[in-house]
PDBML (XML) file of the C-alpha atoms, coordinates in Angstrom:
<?xml version="1.0" encoding="UTF-8" ?>
<PDBx:datablock datablockName="MODEL"
   xmlns:PDBx="http://pdbml.pdb.org/schema/pdbx-v50.xsd"
   xmlns:xsi="http://www.w3.org/2001/XMLSchema-instance"
   xsi:schemaLocation="http://pdbml.pdb.org/schema/pdbx-v50.xsd pdbx-v50.xsd">
   <PDBx:atom_siteCategory>
      <PDBx:atom_site id="1">
         <PDBx:B_iso_or_equiv>0.00</PDBx:B_iso_or_equiv>
         <PDBx:Cartn_x>205.403</PDBx:Cartn_x>
         <PDBx:Cartn_y>285.768</PDBx:Cartn_y>
         <PDBx:Cartn_z>30.741</PDBx:Cartn_z>
         <PDBx:auth_asym_id>A</PDBx:auth_asym_id>
         <PDBx:auth_atom_id>CA</PDBx:auth_atom_id>
         <PDBx:auth_comp_id>GLN</PDBx:auth_comp_id>
         <PDBx:auth_seq_id>1</PDBx:auth_seq_id>
         <PDBx:group_PDB>ATOM</PDBx:group_PDB>
         <PDBx:label_alt_id xsi:nil="true" />
         <PDBx:label_asym_id>A</PDBx:label_asym_id>
         <PDBx:label_atom_id>CA</PDBx:label_atom_id>
         <PDBx:label_comp_id>GLN</PDBx:label_comp_id>
         <PDBx:label_entity_id>1</PDBx:label_entity_id>
         <PDBx:label_seq_id>1</PDBx:label_seq_id>
         <PDBx:occupancy>1.00</PDBx:occupancy>
         <PDBx:pdbx_PDB_model_num>1</PDBx:pdbx_PDB_model_num>
         <PDBx:type_symbol>C</PDBx:type_symbol>
      </PDBx:atom_site>
      <PDBx:atom_site id="2">
         <PDBx:B_iso_or_equiv>0.00</PDBx:B_iso_or_equiv>
         <PDBx:Cartn_x>202.236</PDBx:Cartn_x>
         <PDBx:Cartn_y>285.841</PDBx:Cartn_y>
         <PDBx:Cartn_z>28.652</PDBx:Cartn_z>
         <PDBx:auth_asym_id>A</PDBx:auth_asym_id>
         <PDBx:auth_atom_id>CA</PDBx:auth_atom_id>
         <PDBx:auth_comp_id>ALA</PDBx:auth_comp_id>
         <PDBx:auth_seq_id>2</PDBx:auth_seq_id>
         <PDBx:group_PDB>ATOM</PDBx:group_PDB>
         <PDBx:label_alt_id xsi:nil="true" />
         <PDBx:label_asym_id>A</PDBx:label_asym_id>
         <PDBx:label_atom_id>CA</PDBx:label_atom_id>
         <PDBx:label_comp_id>ALA</PDBx:label_comp_id>
         <PDBx:label_entity_id>1</PDBx:label_entity_id>
         <PDBx:label_seq_id>2</PDBx:label_seq_id>
         <PDBx:occupancy>1.00</PDBx:occupancy>
         <PDBx:pdbx_PDB_model_num>1</PDBx:pdbx_PDB_model_num>
         <PDBx:type_symbol>C</PDBx:type_symbol>
      </PDBx:atom_site>
      <PDBx:atom_site id="3">
         <PDBx:B_iso_or_equiv>0.00</PDBx:B_iso_or_equiv>
         <PDBx:Cartn_x>202.819</PDBx:Cartn_x>
         <PDBx:Cartn_y>282.309</PDBx:Cartn_y>
         <PDBx:Cartn_z>27.341</PDBx:Cartn_z>
         <PDBx:auth_asym_id>A</PDBx:auth_asym_id>
         <PDBx:auth_atom_id>CA</PDBx:auth_atom_id>
         <PDBx:auth_comp_id>ALA</PDBx:auth_comp_id>
         <PDBx:auth_seq_id>3</PDBx:auth_seq_id>
         <PDBx:group_PDB>ATOM</PDBx:group_PDB>
         <PDBx:label_alt_id xsi:nil="true" />
         <PDBx:label_asym_id>A</PDBx:label_asym_id>
         <PDBx:label_atom_id>CA</PDBx:label_atom_id>
         <PDBx:label_comp_id>ALA</PDBx:label_comp_id>
         <PDBx:label_entity_id>1</PDBx:label_entity_id>
         <PDBx:label_seq_id>3</PDBx:label_seq_id>
         <PDBx:occupancy>1.00</PDBx:occupancy>
         <PDBx:pdbx_PDB_model_num>1</PDBx:pdbx_PDB_model_num>
         <PDBx:type_symbol>C</PDBx:type_symbol>
      </PDBx:atom_site>
      <PDBx:atom_site id="4">
         <PDBx:B_iso_or_equiv>0.00</PDBx:B_iso_or_equiv>
         <PDBx:Cartn_x>203.191</PDBx:Cartn_x>
         <PDBx:Cartn_y>280.924</PDBx:Cartn_y>
         <PDBx:Cartn_z>30.848</PDBx:Cartn_z>
         <PDBx:auth_asym_id>A</PDBx:auth_asym_id>
         <PDBx:auth_atom_id>CA</PDBx:auth_atom_id>
         <PDBx:auth_comp_id>ARG</PDBx:auth_comp_id>
         <PDBx:auth_seq_id>4</PDBx:auth_seq_id>
         <PDBx:group_PDB>ATOM</PDBx:group_PDB>
         <PDBx:label_alt_id xsi:nil="true" />
         <PDBx:label_asym_id>A</PDBx:label_asym_id>
         <PDBx:label_atom_id>CA</PDBx:label_atom_id>
         <PDBx:label_comp_id>ARG</PDBx:label_comp_id>
         <PDBx:label_entity_id>1</PDBx:label_entity_id>
         <PDBx:label_seq_id>4</PDBx:label_seq_id>
         <PDBx:occupancy>1.00</PDBx:occupancy>
         <PDBx:pdbx_PDB_model_num>1</PDBx:pdbx_PDB_model_num>
         <PDBx:type_symbol>C</PDBx:type_symbol>
      </PDBx:atom_site>
      <PDBx:atom_site id="5">
         <PDBx:B_iso_or_equiv>0.00</PDBx:B_iso_or_equiv>
         <PDBx:Cartn_x>199.908</PDBx:Cartn_x>
         <PDBx:Cartn_y>282.460</PDBx:Cartn_y>
         <PDBx:Cartn_z>31.884</PDBx:Cartn_z>
         <PDBx:auth_asym_id>A</PDBx:auth_asym_id>
         <PDBx:auth_atom_id>CA</PDBx:auth_atom_id>
         <PDBx:auth_comp_id>VAL</PDBx:auth_comp_id>
         <PDBx:auth_seq_id>5</PDBx:auth_seq_id>
         <PDBx:group_PDB>ATOM</PDBx:group_PDB>
         <PDBx:label_alt_id xsi:nil="true" />
         <PDBx:label_asym_id>A</PDBx:label_asym_id>
         <PDBx:label_atom_id>CA</PDBx:label_atom_id>
         <PDBx:label_comp_id>VAL</PDBx:label_comp_id>
         <PDBx:label_entity_id>1</PDBx:label_entity_id>
         <PDBx:label_seq_id>5</PDBx:label_seq_id>
         <PDBx:occupancy>1.00</PDBx:occupancy>
         <PDBx:pdbx_PDB_model_num>1</PDBx:pdbx_PDB_model_num>
         <PDBx:type_symbol>C</PDBx:type_symbol>
      </PDBx:atom_site>
      <PDBx:atom_site id="6">
         <PDBx:B_iso_or_equiv>0.00</PDBx:B_iso_or_equiv>
         <PDBx:Cartn_x>198.309</PDBx:Cartn_x>
         <PDBx:Cartn_y>280.990</PDBx:Cartn_y>
         <PDBx:Cartn_z>28.752</PDBx:Cartn_z>
         <PDBx:auth_asym_id>A</PDBx:auth_asym_id>
         <PDBx:auth_atom_id>CA</PDBx:auth_atom_id>
         <PDBx:auth_comp_id>ALA</PDBx:auth_comp_id>
         <PDBx:auth_seq_id>6</PDBx:auth_seq_id>
         <PDBx:group_PDB>ATOM</PDBx:group_PDB>
         <PDBx:label_alt_id xsi:nil="true" />
         <PDBx:label_asym_id>A</PDBx:label_asym_id>
         <PDBx:label_atom_id>CA</PDBx:label_atom_id>
         <PDBx:label_comp_id>ALA</PDBx:label_comp_id>
         <PDBx:label_entity_id>1</PDBx:label_entity_id>
         <PDBx:label_seq_id>6</PDBx:label_seq_id>
         <PDBx:occupancy>1.00</PDBx:occupancy>
         <PDBx:pdbx_PDB_model_num>1</PDBx:pdbx_PDB_model_num>
         <PDBx:type_symbol>C</PDBx:type_symbol>
      </PDBx:atom_site>
      <PDBx:atom_site id="7">
         <PDBx:B_iso_or_equiv>0.00</PDBx:B_iso_or_equiv>
         <PDBx:Cartn_x>199.733</PDBx:Cartn_x>
         <PDBx:Cartn_y>277.535</PDBx:Cartn_y>
         <PDBx:Cartn_z>29.548</PDBx:Cartn_z>
         <PDBx:auth_asym_id>A</PDBx:auth_asym_id>
         <PDBx:auth_atom_id>CA</PDBx:auth_atom_id>
         <PDBx:auth_comp_id>ILE</PDBx:auth_comp_id>
         <PDBx:auth_seq_id>7</PDBx:auth_seq_id>
         <PDBx:group_PDB>ATOM</PDBx:group_PDB>
         <PDBx:label_alt_id xsi:nil="true" />
         <PDBx:label_asym_id>A</PDBx:label_asym_id>
         <PDBx:label_atom_id>CA</PDBx:label_atom_id>
         <PDBx:label_comp_id>ILE</PDBx:label_comp_id>
         <PDBx:label_entity_id>1</PDBx:label_entity_id>
         <PDBx:label_seq_id>7</PDBx:label_seq_id>
         <PDBx:occupancy>1.00</PDBx:occupancy>
         <PDBx:pdbx_PDB_model_num>1</PDBx:pdbx_PDB_model_num>
         <PDBx:type_symbol>C</PDBx:type_symbol>
      </PDBx:atom_site>
      <PDBx:atom_site id="8">
         <PDBx:B_iso_or_equiv>0.00</PDBx:B_iso_or_equiv>
         <PDBx:Cartn_x>198.262</PDBx:Cartn_x>
         <PDBx:Cartn_y>277.590</PDBx:Cartn_y>
         <PDBx:Cartn_z>33.045</PDBx:Cartn_z>
         <PDBx:auth_asym_id>A</PDBx:auth_asym_id>
         <PDBx:auth_atom_id>CA</PDBx:auth_atom_id>
         <PDBx:auth_comp_id>ALA</PDBx:auth_comp_id>
         <PDBx:auth_seq_id>8</PDBx:auth_seq_id>
         <PDBx:group_PDB>ATOM</PDBx:group_PDB>
         <PDBx:label_alt_id xsi:nil="true" />
         <PDBx:label_asym_id>A</PDBx:label_asym_id>
         <PDBx:label_atom_id>CA</PDBx:label_atom_id>
         <PDBx:label_comp_id>ALA</PDBx:label_comp_id>
         <PDBx:label_entity_id>1</PDBx:label_entity_id>
         <PDBx:label_seq_id>8</PDBx:label_seq_id>
         <PDBx:occupancy>1.00</PDBx:occupancy>
         <PDBx:pdbx_PDB_model_num>1</PDBx:pdbx_PDB_model_num>
         <PDBx:type_symbol>C</PDBx:type_symbol>
      </PDBx:atom_site>
      <PDBx:atom_site id="9">
         <PDBx:B_iso_or_equiv>0.00</PDBx:B_iso_or_equiv>
         <PDBx:Cartn_x>194.849</PDBx:Cartn_x>
         <PDBx:Cartn_y>278.603</PDBx:Cartn_y>
         <PDBx:Cartn_z>31.692</PDBx:Cartn_z>
         <PDBx:auth_asym_id>A</PDBx:auth_asym_id>
         <PDBx:auth_atom_id>CA</PDBx:auth_atom_id>
         <PDBx:auth_comp_id>SER</PDBx:auth_comp_id>
         <PDBx:auth_seq_id>9</PDBx:auth_seq_id>
         <PDBx:group_PDB>ATOM</PDBx:group_PDB>
         <PDBx:label_alt_id xsi:nil="true" />
         <PDBx:label_asym_id>A</PDBx:label_asym_id>
         <PDBx:label_atom_id>CA</PDBx:label_atom_id>
         <PDBx:label_comp_id>SER</PDBx:label_comp_id>
         <PDBx:label_entity_id>1</PDBx:label_entity_id>
         <PDBx:label_seq_id>9</PDBx:label_seq_id>
         <PDBx:occupancy>1.00</PDBx:occupancy>
         <PDBx:pdbx_PDB_model_num>1</PDBx:pdbx_PDB_model_num>
         <PDBx:type_symbol>C</PDBx:type_symbol>
      </PDBx:atom_site>
      <PDBx:atom_site id="10">
         <PDBx:B_iso_or_equiv>0.00</PDBx:B_iso_or_equiv>
         <PDBx:Cartn_x>194.893</PDBx:Cartn_x>
         <PDBx:Cartn_y>276.124</PDBx:Cartn_y>
         <PDBx:Cartn_z>28.797</PDBx:Cartn_z>
         <PDBx:auth_asym_id>A</PDBx:auth_asym_id>
         <PDBx:auth_atom_id>CA</PDBx:auth_atom_id>
         <PDBx:auth_comp_id>SER</PDBx:auth_comp_id>
         <PDBx:auth_seq_id>10</PDBx:auth_seq_id>
         <PDBx:group_PDB>ATOM</PDBx:group_PDB>
         <PDBx:label_alt_id xsi:nil="true" />
         <PDBx:label_asym_id>A</PDBx:label_asym_id>
         <PDBx:label_atom_id>CA</PDBx:label_atom_id>
         <PDBx:label_comp_id>SER</PDBx:label_comp_id>
         <PDBx:label_entity_id>1</PDBx:label_entity_id>
         <PDBx:label_seq_id>10</PDBx:label_seq_id>
         <PDBx:occupancy>1.00</PDBx:occupancy>
         <PDBx:pdbx_PDB_model_num>1</PDBx:pdbx_PDB_model_num>
         <PDBx:type_symbol>C</PDBx:type_symbol>
      </PDBx:atom_site>
      <PDBx:atom_site id="11">
         <PDBx:B_iso_or_equiv>0.00</PDBx:B_iso_or_equiv>
         <PDBx:Cartn_x>195.935</PDBx:Cartn_x>
         <PDBx:Cartn_y>273.268</PDBx:Cartn_y>
         <PDBx:Cartn_z>31.102</PDBx:Cartn_z>
         <PDBx:auth_asym_id>A</PDBx:auth_asym_id>
         <PDBx:auth_atom_id>CA</PDBx:auth_atom_id>
         <PDBx:auth_comp_id>GLN</PDBx:auth_comp_id>
         <PDBx:auth_seq_id>11</PDBx:auth_seq_id>
         <PDBx:group_PDB>ATOM</PDBx:group_PDB>
         <PDBx:label_alt_id xsi:nil="true" />
         <PDBx:label_asym_id>A</PDBx:label_asym_id>
         <PDBx:label_atom_id>CA</PDBx:label_atom_id>
         <PDBx:label_comp_id>GLN</PDBx:label_comp_id>
         <PDBx:label_entity_id>1</PDBx:label_entity_id>
         <PDBx:label_seq_id>11</PDBx:label_seq_id>
         <PDBx:occupancy>1.00</PDBx:occupancy>
         <PDBx:pdbx_PDB_model_num>1</PDBx:pdbx_PDB_model_num>
         <PDBx:type_symbol>C</PDBx:type_symbol>
      </PDBx:atom_site>
      <PDBx:atom_site id="12">
         <PDBx:B_iso_or_equiv>0.00</PDBx:B_iso_or_equiv>
         <PDBx:Cartn_x>192.979</PDBx:Cartn_x>
         <PDBx:Cartn_y>273.965</PDBx:Cartn_y>
         <PDBx:Cartn_z>33.367</PDBx:Cartn_z>
         <PDBx:auth_asym_id>A</PDBx:auth_asym_id>
         <PDBx:auth_atom_id>CA</PDBx:auth_atom_id>
         <PDBx:auth_comp_id>GLU</PDBx:auth_comp_id>
         <PDBx:auth_seq_id>12</PDBx:auth_seq_id>
         <PDBx:group_PDB>ATOM</PDBx:group_PDB>
         <PDBx:label_alt_id xsi:nil="true" />
         <PDBx:label_asym_id>A</PDBx:label_asym_id>
         <PDBx:label_atom_id>CA</PDBx:label_atom_id>
         <PDBx:label_comp_id>GLU</PDBx:label_comp_id>
         <PDBx:label_entity_id>1</PDBx:label_entity_id>
         <PDBx:label_seq_id>12</PDBx:label_seq_id>
         <PDBx:occupancy>1.00</PDBx:occupancy>
         <PDBx:pdbx_PDB_model_num>1</PDBx:pdbx_PDB_model_num>
         <PDBx:type_symbol>C</PDBx:type_symbol>
      </PDBx:atom_site>
      <PDBx:atom_site id="13">
         <PDBx:B_iso_or_equiv>0.00</PDBx:B_iso_or_equiv>
         <PDBx:Cartn_x>190.665</PDBx:Cartn_x>
         <PDBx:Cartn_y>274.307</PDBx:Cartn_y>
         <PDBx:Cartn_z>30.359</PDBx:Cartn_z>
         <PDBx:auth_asym_id>A</PDBx:auth_asym_id>
         <PDBx:auth_atom_id>CA</PDBx:auth_atom_id>
         <PDBx:auth_comp_id>ASN</PDBx:auth_comp_id>
         <PDBx:auth_seq_id>13</PDBx:auth_seq_id>
         <PDBx:group_PDB>ATOM</PDBx:group_PDB>
         <PDBx:label_alt_id xsi:nil="true" />
         <PDBx:label_asym_id>A</PDBx:label_asym_id>
         <PDBx:label_atom_id>CA</PDBx:label_atom_id>
         <PDBx:label_comp_id>ASN</PDBx:label_comp_id>
         <PDBx:label_entity_id>1</PDBx:label_entity_id>
         <PDBx:label_seq_id>13</PDBx:label_seq_id>
         <PDBx:occupancy>1.00</PDBx:occupancy>
         <PDBx:pdbx_PDB_model_num>1</PDBx:pdbx_PDB_model_num>
         <PDBx:type_symbol>C</PDBx:type_symbol>
      </PDBx:atom_site>
      <PDBx:atom_site id="14">
         <PDBx:B_iso_or_equiv>0.00</PDBx:B_iso_or_equiv>
         <PDBx:Cartn_x>191.901</PDBx:Cartn_x>
         <PDBx:Cartn_y>270.990</PDBx:Cartn_y>
         <PDBx:Cartn_z>28.943</PDBx:Cartn_z>
         <PDBx:auth_asym_id>A</PDBx:auth_asym_id>
         <PDBx:auth_atom_id>CA</PDBx:auth_atom_id>
         <PDBx:auth_comp_id>PHE</PDBx:auth_comp_id>
         <PDBx:auth_seq_id>14</PDBx:auth_seq_id>
         <PDBx:group_PDB>ATOM</PDBx:group_PDB>
         <PDBx:label_alt_id xsi:nil="true" />
         <PDBx:label_asym_id>A</PDBx:label_asym_id>
         <PDBx:label_atom_id>CA</PDBx:label_atom_id>
         <PDBx:label_comp_id>PHE</PDBx:label_comp_id>
         <PDBx:label_entity_id>1</PDBx:label_entity_id>
         <PDBx:label_seq_id>14</PDBx:label_seq_id>
         <PDBx:occupancy>1.00</PDBx:occupancy>
         <PDBx:pdbx_PDB_model_num>1</PDBx:pdbx_PDB_model_num>
         <PDBx:type_symbol>C</PDBx:type_symbol>
      </PDBx:atom_site>
      <PDBx:atom_site id="15">
         <PDBx:B_iso_or_equiv>0.00</PDBx:B_iso_or_equiv>
         <PDBx:Cartn_x>191.458</PDBx:Cartn_x>
         <PDBx:Cartn_y>269.284</PDBx:Cartn_y>
         <PDBx:Cartn_z>32.317</PDBx:Cartn_z>
         <PDBx:auth_asym_id>A</PDBx:auth_asym_id>
         <PDBx:auth_atom_id>CA</PDBx:auth_atom_id>
         <PDBx:auth_comp_id>ARG</PDBx:auth_comp_id>
         <PDBx:auth_seq_id>15</PDBx:auth_seq_id>
         <PDBx:group_PDB>ATOM</PDBx:group_PDB>
         <PDBx:label_alt_id xsi:nil="true" />
         <PDBx:label_asym_id>A</PDBx:label_asym_id>
         <PDBx:label_atom_id>CA</PDBx:label_atom_id>
         <PDBx:label_comp_id>ARG</PDBx:label_comp_id>
         <PDBx:label_entity_id>1</PDBx:label_entity_id>
         <PDBx:label_seq_id>15</PDBx:label_seq_id>
         <PDBx:occupancy>1.00</PDBx:occupancy>
         <PDBx:pdbx_PDB_model_num>1</PDBx:pdbx_PDB_model_num>
         <PDBx:type_symbol>C</PDBx:type_symbol>
      </PDBx:atom_site>
      <PDBx:atom_site id="16">
         <PDBx:B_iso_or_equiv>0.00</PDBx:B_iso_or_equiv>
         <PDBx:Cartn_x>187.859</PDBx:Cartn_x>
         <PDBx:Cartn_y>270.465</PDBx:Cartn_y>
         <PDBx:Cartn_z>32.490</PDBx:Cartn_z>
         <PDBx:auth_asym_id>A</PDBx:auth_asym_id>
         <PDBx:auth_atom_id>CA</PDBx:auth_atom_id>
         <PDBx:auth_comp_id>LEU</PDBx:auth_comp_id>
         <PDBx:auth_seq_id>16</PDBx:auth_seq_id>
         <PDBx:group_PDB>ATOM</PDBx:group_PDB>
         <PDBx:label_alt_id xsi:nil="true" />
         <PDBx:label_asym_id>A</PDBx:label_asym_id>
         <PDBx:label_atom_id>CA</PDBx:label_atom_id>
         <PDBx:label_comp_id>LEU</PDBx:label_comp_id>
         <PDBx:label_entity_id>1</PDBx:label_entity_id>
         <PDBx:label_seq_id>16</PDBx:label_seq_id>
         <PDBx:occupancy>1.00</PDBx:occupancy>
         <PDBx:pdbx_PDB_model_num>1</PDBx:pdbx_PDB_model_num>
         <PDBx:type_symbol>C</PDBx:type_symbol>
      </PDBx:atom_site>
      <PDBx:atom_site id="17">
         <PDBx:B_iso_or_equiv>0.00</PDBx:B_iso_or_equiv>
         <PDBx:Cartn_x>187.134</PDBx:Cartn_x>
         <PDBx:Cartn_y>269.517</PDBx:Cartn_y>
         <PDBx:Cartn_z>28.883</PDBx:Cartn_z>
         <PDBx:auth_asym_id>A</PDBx:auth_asym_id>
         <PDBx:auth_atom_id>CA</PDBx:auth_atom_id>
         <PDBx:auth_comp_id>ALA</PDBx:auth_comp_id>
         <PDBx:auth_seq_id>17</PDBx:auth_seq_id>
         <PDBx:group_PDB>ATOM</PDBx:group_PDB>
         <PDBx:label_alt_id xsi:nil="true" />
         <PDBx:label_asym_id>A</PDBx:label_asym_id>
         <PDBx:label_atom_id>CA</PDBx:label_atom_id>
         <PDBx:label_comp_id>ALA</PDBx:label_comp_id>
         <PDBx:label_entity_id>1</PDBx:label_entity_id>
         <PDBx:label_seq_id>17</PDBx:label_seq_id>
         <PDBx:occupancy>1.00</PDBx:occupancy>
         <PDBx:pdbx_PDB_model_num>1</PDBx:pdbx_PDB_model_num>
         <PDBx:type_symbol>C</PDBx:type_symbol>
      </PDBx:atom_site>
      <PDBx:atom_site id="18">
         <PDBx:B_iso_or_equiv>0.00</PDBx:B_iso_or_equiv>
         <PDBx:Cartn_x>188.711</PDBx:Cartn_x>
         <PDBx:Cartn_y>266.101</PDBx:Cartn_y>
         <PDBx:Cartn_z>29.424</PDBx:Cartn_z>
         <PDBx:auth_asym_id>A</PDBx:auth_asym_id>
         <PDBx:auth_atom_id>CA</PDBx:auth_atom_id>
         <PDBx:auth_comp_id>GLN</PDBx:auth_comp_id>
         <PDBx:auth_seq_id>18</PDBx:auth_seq_id>
         <PDBx:group_PDB>ATOM</PDBx:group_PDB>
         <PDBx:label_alt_id xsi:nil="true" />
         <PDBx:label_asym_id>A</PDBx:label_asym_id>
         <PDBx:label_atom_id>CA</PDBx:label_atom_id>
         <PDBx:label_comp_id>GLN</PDBx:label_comp_id>
         <PDBx:label_entity_id>1</PDBx:label_entity_id>
         <PDBx:label_seq_id>18</PDBx:label_seq_id>
         <PDBx:occupancy>1.00</PDBx:occupancy>
         <PDBx:pdbx_PDB_model_num>1</PDBx:pdbx_PDB_model_num>
         <PDBx:type_symbol>C</PDBx:type_symbol>
      </PDBx:atom_site>
      <PDBx:atom_site id="19">
         <PDBx:B_iso_or_equiv>0.00</PDBx:B_iso_or_equiv>
         <PDBx:Cartn_x>186.580</PDBx:Cartn_x>
         <PDBx:Cartn_y>265.537</PDBx:Cartn_y>
         <PDBx:Cartn_z>32.486</PDBx:Cartn_z>
         <PDBx:auth_asym_id>A</PDBx:auth_asym_id>
         <PDBx:auth_atom_id>CA</PDBx:auth_atom_id>
         <PDBx:auth_comp_id>GLY</PDBx:auth_comp_id>
         <PDBx:auth_seq_id>19</PDBx:auth_seq_id>
         <PDBx:group_PDB>ATOM</PDBx:group_PDB>
         <PDBx:label_alt_id xsi:nil="true" />
         <PDBx:label_asym_id>A</PDBx:label_asym_id>
         <PDBx:label_atom_id>CA</PDBx:label_atom_id>
         <PDBx:label_comp_id>GLY</PDBx:label_comp_id>
         <PDBx:label_entity_id>1</PDBx:label_entity_id>
         <PDBx:label_seq_id>19</PDBx:label_seq_id>
         <PDBx:occupancy>1.00</PDBx:occupancy>
         <PDBx:pdbx_PDB_model_num>1</PDBx:pdbx_PDB_model_num>
         <PDBx:type_symbol>C</PDBx:type_symbol>
      </PDBx:atom_site>
      <PDBx:atom_site id="20">
         <PDBx:B_iso_or_equiv>0.00</PDBx:B_iso_or_equiv>
         <PDBx:Cartn_x>183.395</PDBx:Cartn_x>
         <PDBx:Cartn_y>266.551</PDBx:Cartn_y>
         <PDBx:Cartn_z>30.686</PDBx:Cartn_z>
         <PDBx:auth_asym_id>A</PDBx:auth_asym_id>
         <PDBx:auth_atom_id>CA</PDBx:auth_atom_id>
         <PDBx:auth_comp_id>ARG</PDBx:auth_comp_id>
         <PDBx:auth_seq_id>20</PDBx:auth_seq_id>
         <PDBx:group_PDB>ATOM</PDBx:group_PDB>
         <PDBx:label_alt_id xsi:nil="true" />
         <PDBx:label_asym_id>A</PDBx:label_asym_id>
         <PDBx:label_atom_id>CA</PDBx:label_atom_id>
         <PDBx:label_comp_id>ARG</PDBx:label_comp_id>
         <PDBx:label_entity_id>1</PDBx:label_entity_id>
         <PDBx:label_seq_id>20</PDBx:label_seq_id>
         <PDBx:occupancy>1.00</PDBx:occupancy>
         <PDBx:pdbx_PDB_model_num>1</PDBx:pdbx_PDB_model_num>
         <PDBx:type_symbol>C</PDBx:type_symbol>
      </PDBx:atom_site>
      <PDBx:atom_site id="21">
         <PDBx:B_iso_or_equiv>0.00</PDBx:B_iso_or_equiv>
         <PDBx:Cartn_x>184.211</PDBx:Cartn_x>
         <PDBx:Cartn_y>264.289</PDBx:Cartn_y>
         <PDBx:Cartn_z>27.743</PDBx:Cartn_z>
         <PDBx:auth_asym_id>A</PDBx:auth_asym_id>
         <PDBx:auth_atom_id>CA</PDBx:auth_atom_id>
         <PDBx:auth_comp_id>PHE</PDBx:auth_comp_id>
         <PDBx:auth_seq_id>21</PDBx:auth_seq_id>
         <PDBx:group_PDB>ATOM</PDBx:group_PDB>
         <PDBx:label_alt_id xsi:nil="true" />
         <PDBx:label_asym_id>A</PDBx:label_asym_id>
         <PDBx:label_atom_id>CA</PDBx:label_atom_id>
         <PDBx:label_comp_id>PHE</PDBx:label_comp_id>
         <PDBx:label_entity_id>1</PDBx:label_entity_id>
         <PDBx:label_seq_id>21</PDBx:label_seq_id>
         <PDBx:occupancy>1.00</PDBx:occupancy>
         <PDBx:pdbx_PDB_model_num>1</PDBx:pdbx_PDB_model_num>
         <PDBx:type_symbol>C</PDBx:type_symbol>
      </PDBx:atom_site>
      <PDBx:atom_site id="22">
         <PDBx:B_iso_or_equiv>0.00</PDBx:B_iso_or_equiv>
         <PDBx:Cartn_x>185.044</PDBx:Cartn_x>
         <PDBx:Cartn_y>261.327</PDBx:Cartn_y>
         <PDBx:Cartn_z>30.001</PDBx:Cartn_z>
         <PDBx:auth_asym_id>A</PDBx:auth_asym_id>
         <PDBx:auth_atom_id>CA</PDBx:auth_atom_id>
         <PDBx:auth_comp_id>ASP</PDBx:auth_comp_id>
         <PDBx:auth_seq_id>22</PDBx:auth_seq_id>
         <PDBx:group_PDB>ATOM</PDBx:group_PDB>
         <PDBx:label_alt_id xsi:nil="true" />
         <PDBx:label_asym_id>A</PDBx:label_asym_id>
         <PDBx:label_atom_id>CA</PDBx:label_atom_id>
         <PDBx:label_comp_id>ASP</PDBx:label_comp_id>
         <PDBx:label_entity_id>1</PDBx:label_entity_id>
         <PDBx:label_seq_id>22</PDBx:label_seq_id>
         <PDBx:occupancy>1.00</PDBx:occupancy>
         <PDBx:pdbx_PDB_model_num>1</PDBx:pdbx_PDB_model_num>
         <PDBx:type_symbol>C</PDBx:type_symbol>
      </PDBx:atom_site>
      <PDBx:atom_site id="23">
         <PDBx:B_iso_or_equiv>0.00</PDBx:B_iso_or_equiv>
         <PDBx:Cartn_x>181.647</PDBx:Cartn_x>
         <PDBx:Cartn_y>261.512</PDBx:Cartn_y>
         <PDBx:Cartn_z>31.732</PDBx:Cartn_z>
         <PDBx:auth_asym_id>A</PDBx:auth_asym_id>
         <PDBx:auth_atom_id>CA</PDBx:auth_atom_id>
         <PDBx:auth_comp_id>VAL</PDBx:auth_comp_id>
         <PDBx:auth_seq_id>23</PDBx:auth_seq_id>
         <PDBx:group_PDB>ATOM</PDBx:group_PDB>
         <PDBx:label_alt_id xsi:nil="true" />
         <PDBx:label_asym_id>A</PDBx:label_asym_id>
         <PDBx:label_atom_id>CA</PDBx:label_atom_id>
         <PDBx:label_comp_id>VAL</PDBx:label_comp_id>
         <PDBx:label_entity_id>1</PDBx:label_entity_id>
         <PDBx:label_seq_id>23</PDBx:label_seq_id>
         <PDBx:occupancy>1.00</PDBx:occupancy>
         <PDBx:pdbx_PDB_model_num>1</PDBx:pdbx_PDB_model_num>
         <PDBx:type_symbol>C</PDBx:type_symbol>
      </PDBx:atom_site>
      <PDBx:atom_site id="24">
         <PDBx:B_iso_or_equiv>0.00</PDBx:B_iso_or_equiv>
         <PDBx:Cartn_x>179.856</PDBx:Cartn_x>
         <PDBx:Cartn_y>261.899</PDBx:Cartn_y>
         <PDBx:Cartn_z>28.416</PDBx:Cartn_z>
         <PDBx:auth_asym_id>A</PDBx:auth_asym_id>
         <PDBx:auth_atom_id>CA</PDBx:auth_atom_id>
         <PDBx:auth_comp_id>GLY</PDBx:auth_comp_id>
         <PDBx:auth_seq_id>24</PDBx:auth_seq_id>
         <PDBx:group_PDB>ATOM</PDBx:group_PDB>
         <PDBx:label_alt_id xsi:nil="true" />
         <PDBx:label_asym_id>A</PDBx:label_asym_id>
         <PDBx:label_atom_id>CA</PDBx:label_atom_id>
         <PDBx:label_comp_id>GLY</PDBx:label_comp_id>
         <PDBx:label_entity_id>1</PDBx:label_entity_id>
         <PDBx:label_seq_id>24</PDBx:label_seq_id>
         <PDBx:occupancy>1.00</PDBx:occupancy>
         <PDBx:pdbx_PDB_model_num>1</PDBx:pdbx_PDB_model_num>
         <PDBx:type_symbol>C</PDBx:type_symbol>
      </PDBx:atom_site>
   </PDBx:atom_siteCategory>
</PDBx:datablock>
């Protein structure tokens, strides 16, 4: 249960970090 919550959070965090990196 804890790992699935962590996956959801880390996926969102990676999406945001990817977006920030892509726009420089």
